[in-house]
C-alpha atoms as a PDB file:
ATOM      1  CA  MET A   1      15.658  74.725   3.952  1.00  0.00           C
ATOM      2  CA  THR A   2      12.310  74.975   2.230  1.00  0.00           C
ATOM      3  CA  ALA A   3       9.380  76.806   3.798  1.00  0.00           C
ATOM      4  CA  THR A   4       6.161  74.800   3.799  1.00  0.00           C
ATOM      5  CA  SER A   5       3.716  77.708   3.734  1.00  0.00           C
ATOM      6  CA  PHE A   6       3.349  81.466   3.925  1.00  0.00           C
ATOM      7  CA  VAL A   7       1.489  82.207   7.162  1.00  0.00           C
ATOM      8  CA  HIS A   8       0.907  85.946   7.574  1.00  0.00           C
ATOM      9  CA  THR A   9       2.172  89.491   7.399  1.00  0.00           C
ATOM     10  CA  CYS A  10       2.046  91.460  10.641  1.00  0.00           C
ATOM     11  CA  VAL A  11       1.446  95.189  10.972  1.00  0.00           C
ATOM     12  CA  ARG A  12       1.150  97.142  14.204  1.00  0.00           C
ATOM     13  CA  VAL A  13      -1.992  99.230  14.533  1.00  0.00           C
ATOM     14  CA  LEU A  14      -2.888 102.028  16.923  1.00  0.00           C
ATOM     15  CA  ASP A  15      -6.682 101.824  16.565  1.00  0.00           C
ATOM     16  CA  PRO A  16      -7.759  98.201  16.043  1.00  0.00           C
ATOM     17  CA  ASP A  17     -11.396  99.082  15.414  1.00  0.00           C
ATOM     18  CA  ALA A  18     -10.461 101.482  12.600  1.00  0.00           C
ATOM     19  CA  ALA A  19      -8.055  98.919  11.138  1.00  0.00           C
ATOM     20  CA  LEU A  20     -10.697  96.179  11.243  1.00  0.00           C
ATOM     21  CA  ARG A  21     -13.193  98.454   9.517  1.00  0.00           C
ATOM     22  CA  PHE A  22     -10.678  99.353   6.797  1.00  0.00           C
ATOM     23  CA  TYR A  23      -9.560  95.781   6.118  1.00  0.00           C
ATOM     24  CA  GLY A  24     -13.202  94.682   6.278  1.00  0.00           C
ATOM     25  CA  LEU A  25     -13.872  97.037   3.395  1.00  0.00           C
ATOM     26  CA  LEU A  26     -11.256  95.109   1.442  1.00  0.00           C
ATOM     27  CA  GLY A  27     -12.961  91.804   2.215  1.00  0.00           C
ATOM     28  CA  PHE A  28     -10.862  90.598   5.163  1.00  0.00           C
ATOM     29  CA  GLN A  29     -12.642  88.672   7.909  1.00  0.00           C
ATOM     30  CA  GLU A  30     -11.570  88.361  11.548  1.00  0.00           C
ATOM     31  CA  ARG A  31     -10.568  84.745  12.179  1.00  0.00           C
ATOM     32  CA  GLY A  32      -9.020  84.684  15.646  1.00  0.00           C
ATOM     33  CA  ARG A  33      -7.078  86.410  18.400  1.00  0.00           C
ATOM     34  CA  LEU A  34      -3.996  85.757  20.497  1.00  0.00           C
ATOM     35  CA  ASN A  35      -3.299  87.576  23.771  1.00  0.00           C
ATOM     36  CA  PHE A  36      -0.020  88.411  25.501  1.00  0.00           C
ATOM     37  CA  ASP A  37       0.578  90.496  28.636  1.00  0.00           C
ATOM     38  CA  SER A  38       1.174  93.792  26.849  1.00  0.00           C
ATOM     39  CA  ALA A  39      -0.208  93.161  23.368  1.00  0.00           C
ATOM     40  CA  TYR A  40      -2.683  91.151  21.344  1.00  0.00           C
ATOM     41  CA  ASN A  41      -2.960  89.971  17.764  1.00  0.00           C
ATOM     42  CA  VAL A  42      -6.055  89.894  15.556  1.00  0.00           C
ATOM     43  CA  TYR A  43      -5.826  87.447  12.640  1.00  0.00           C
ATOM     44  CA  LEU A  44      -7.582  88.199   9.346  1.00  0.00           C
ATOM     45  CA  GLY A  45      -8.117  86.311   6.125  1.00  0.00           C
ATOM     46  CA  LEU A  46      -9.960  86.657   2.871  1.00  0.00           C
ATOM     47  CA  PRO A  47     -12.998  84.492   2.082  1.00  0.00           C
ATOM     48  CA  GLY A  48     -11.846  81.062   0.956  1.00  0.00           C
ATOM     49  CA  GLY A  49      -8.255  81.864   1.863  1.00  0.00           C
ATOM     50  CA  GLU A  50      -5.913  81.382   4.762  1.00  0.00           C
ATOM     51  CA  ASP A  51      -5.353  83.811   7.644  1.00  0.00           C
ATOM     52  CA  THR A  52      -2.703  86.012   6.031  1.00  0.00           C
ATOM     53  CA  LEU A  53      -2.810  89.292   7.946  1.00  0.00           C
ATOM     54  CA  GLU A  54      -1.979  89.813  11.617  1.00  0.00           C
ATOM     55  CA  LEU A  55      -2.831  93.119  13.272  1.00  0.00           C
ATOM     56  CA  THR A  56      -0.791  93.649  16.449  1.00  0.00           C
ATOM     57  CA  VAL A  57      -2.091  96.024  19.107  1.00  0.00           C
ATOM     58  CA  ASN A  58       0.395  97.162  21.755  1.00  0.00           C
ATOM     59  CA  VAL A  59      -1.787  97.898  24.798  1.00  0.00           C
ATOM     60  CA  GLY A  60      -1.472 101.462  26.058  1.00  0.00           C
ATOM     61  CA  ARG A  61       0.257 102.864  22.991  1.00  0.00           C
ATOM     62  CA  THR A  62      -1.100 106.304  22.134  1.00  0.00           C
ATOM     63  CA  GLU A  63       1.394 107.602  19.561  1.00  0.00           C
ATOM     64  CA  PRO A  64       1.020 106.648  15.885  1.00  0.00           C
ATOM     65  CA  TYR A  65       3.667 104.335  14.449  1.00  0.00           C
ATOM     66  CA  ASP A  66       6.354 105.639  12.170  1.00  0.00           C
ATOM     67  CA  LEU A  67       6.377 103.752   8.904  1.00  0.00           C
ATOM     68  CA  GLY A  68       9.746 102.354   9.923  1.00  0.00           C
ATOM     69  CA  ASP A  69       8.399 100.549  12.974  1.00  0.00           C
ATOM     70  CA  GLY A  70       4.922  99.739  11.676  1.00  0.00           C
ATOM     71  CA  TYR A  71       6.229  96.776   9.682  1.00  0.00           C
ATOM     72  CA  ASN A  72       7.051  93.845  11.949  1.00  0.00           C
ATOM     73  CA  HIS A  73       7.511  90.581  10.063  1.00  0.00           C
ATOM     74  CA  ILE A  74       6.264  87.977   7.647  1.00  0.00           C
ATOM     75  CA  ALA A  75       5.789  84.455   9.009  1.00  0.00           C
ATOM     76  CA  LEU A  76       6.611  81.130   7.429  1.00  0.00           C
ATOM     77  CA  THR A  77       6.112  77.607   8.724  1.00  0.00           C
ATOM     78  CA  VAL A  78       9.074  75.239   8.524  1.00  0.00           C
ATOM     79  CA  PRO A  79       8.964  71.485   9.159  1.00  0.00           C
ATOM     80  CA  ASP A  80      11.847  71.606  11.694  1.00  0.00           C
ATOM     81  CA  ILE A  81      12.799  74.977  13.153  1.00  0.00           C
ATOM     82  CA  HIS A  82      16.158  73.773  14.490  1.00  0.00           C
ATOM     83  CA  ALA A  83      17.173  72.366  11.092  1.00  0.00           C
ATOM     84  CA  ALA A  84      15.975  75.542   9.369  1.00  0.00           C
ATOM     85  CA  LEU A  85      18.000  77.769  11.718  1.00  0.00           C
ATOM     86  CA  ALA A  86      21.071  75.570  11.268  1.00  0.00           C
ATOM     87  CA  GLY A  87      20.737  75.791   7.477  1.00  0.00           C
ATOM     88  CA  LEU A  88      20.399  79.575   7.603  1.00  0.00           C
ATOM     89  CA  ALA A  89      23.369  79.853   9.965  1.00  0.00           C
ATOM     90  CA  GLU A  90      25.509  78.056   7.382  1.00  0.00           C
ATOM     91  CA  HIS A  91      24.893  81.101   5.166  1.00  0.00           C
ATOM     92  CA  GLY A  92      25.529  83.684   7.877  1.00  0.00           C
ATOM     93  CA  HIS A  93      21.901  84.313   8.876  1.00  0.00           C
ATOM     94  CA  HIS A  94      21.427  83.912  12.619  1.00  0.00           C
ATOM     95  CA  PRO A  95      18.255  84.275  14.686  1.00  0.00           C
ATOM     96  CA  GLU A  96      17.714  87.261  16.963  1.00  0.00           C
ATOM     97  CA  LYS A  97      17.635  84.730  19.815  1.00  0.00           C
ATOM     98  CA  PRO A  98      17.194  80.960  20.051  1.00  0.00           C
ATOM     99  CA  ALA A  99      13.817  79.446  19.180  1.00  0.00           C
ATOM    100  CA  PHE A 100      11.217  80.151  21.865  1.00  0.00           C
ATOM    101  CA  HIS A 101       7.532  79.860  22.704  1.00  0.00           C
ATOM    102  CA  PRO A 102       5.997  83.335  22.119  1.00  0.00           C
ATOM    103  CA  GLY A 103       4.868  85.077  25.273  1.00  0.00           C
ATOM    104  CA  GLY A 104       6.218  82.113  27.245  1.00  0.00           C
ATOM    105  CA  ARG A 105       3.109  80.167  26.183  1.00  0.00           C
ATOM    106  CA  GLU A 106       3.987  76.484  25.984  1.00  0.00           C
ATOM    107  CA  ASP A 107       0.739  75.839  24.071  1.00  0.00           C
ATOM    108  CA  LEU A 108       2.216  77.663  21.074  1.00  0.00           C
ATOM    109  CA  PRO A 109       4.853  76.258  18.696  1.00  0.00           C
ATOM    110  CA  LEU A 110       8.472  77.335  18.839  1.00  0.00           C
ATOM    111  CA  ILE A 111       9.297  80.409  16.780  1.00  0.00           C
ATOM    112  CA  ALA A 112      12.422  82.362  15.883  1.00  0.00           C
ATOM    113  CA  PHE A 113      13.064  85.608  14.043  1.00  0.00           C
ATOM    114  CA  VAL A 114      15.740  86.108  11.409  1.00  0.00           C
ATOM    115  CA  THR A 115      16.365  89.113   9.199  1.00  0.00           C
ATOM    116  CA  ASP A 116      16.785  89.211   5.446  1.00  0.00           C
ATOM    117  CA  PRO A 117      19.698  91.071   3.872  1.00  0.00           C
ATOM    118  CA  ASP A 118      17.752  94.347   4.034  1.00  0.00           C
ATOM    119  CA  GLY A 119      16.873  93.944   7.685  1.00  0.00           C
ATOM    120  CA  TYR A 120      13.244  92.836   7.280  1.00  0.00           C
ATOM    121  CA  ARG A 121      12.199  90.390   9.970  1.00  0.00           C
ATOM    122  CA  ILE A 122      10.991  86.902   9.082  1.00  0.00           C
ATOM    123  CA  GLU A 123       9.274  84.734  11.690  1.00  0.00           C
ATOM    124  CA  LEU A 124       9.860  81.007  11.376  1.00  0.00           C
ATOM    125  CA  ILE A 125       7.204  78.824  13.003  1.00  0.00           C
ATOM    126  CA  ASP A 126       7.943  75.195  13.849  1.00  0.00           C
ATOM    127  CA  GLY A 127       5.499  72.833  12.154  1.00  0.00           C
ATOM    128  CA  ALA A 128       3.733  72.348   8.868  1.00  0.00           C
ATOM    129  CA  THR A 129       0.787  74.581   9.808  1.00  0.00           C
ATOM    130  CA  PHE A 130      -0.107  77.350  12.251  1.00  0.00           C
ATOM    131  CA  PRO A 131      -3.733  77.124  13.401  1.00  0.00           C
ATOM    132  CA  THR A 132      -5.311  80.505  14.130  1.00  0.00           C
ATOM    133  CA  PRO A 133      -5.304  81.154  17.902  1.00  0.00           C
ATOM    134  CA  GLN A 134      -8.720  81.524  19.485  1.00  0.00           C
ATOM    135  CA  ASP A 135      -8.145  83.656  22.606  1.00  0.00           C
ATOM    136  CA  GLY A 136     -11.040  85.900  23.566  1.00  0.00           C
ATOM    137  CA  PRO A 137     -10.795  89.696  23.812  1.00  0.00           C
ATOM    138  CA  HIS A 138      -7.607  90.984  25.447  1.00  0.00           C
ATOM    139  CA  PRO A 139      -8.131  91.778  29.162  1.00  0.00           C
ATOM    140  CA  SER A 140      -7.371  95.444  28.435  1.00  0.00           C
ATOM    141  CA  ILE A 141     -10.595  95.694  26.390  1.00  0.00           C
ATOM    142  CA  ALA A 142     -12.744  93.038  28.059  1.00  0.00           C
ATOM    143  CA  GLY A 143     -15.589  94.316  30.113  1.00  0.00           C
END
């Protein structure tokens, strides 16, 4: 199995406005959003580069994240998710659950999560690319 591209690193944030200001200071630009029932993602990228940072906001969370649960995953595209999972399984690496459409959204590609030997999560995304989602503001902040 060979990954076709590095997509993004995801971190969970408590205050998305503060996070956007901070990463903006480093040159990151907001590129898109993706909404789910209880969370939303904000995708960032550097000028001239791909969207490589995903900020996840869990709606209603008020307690800061421990460092241990602030890291969520890195994401990689693979040309065939089923073949990739089969190849990993041959080496004892099994997905958390079978490939699925995130948030039950059929408009999104299949994904699956596996863990590396240290327990870090890796998201595999079916397809050669992952276009940045373009949902509007999450309903929890729209108004």
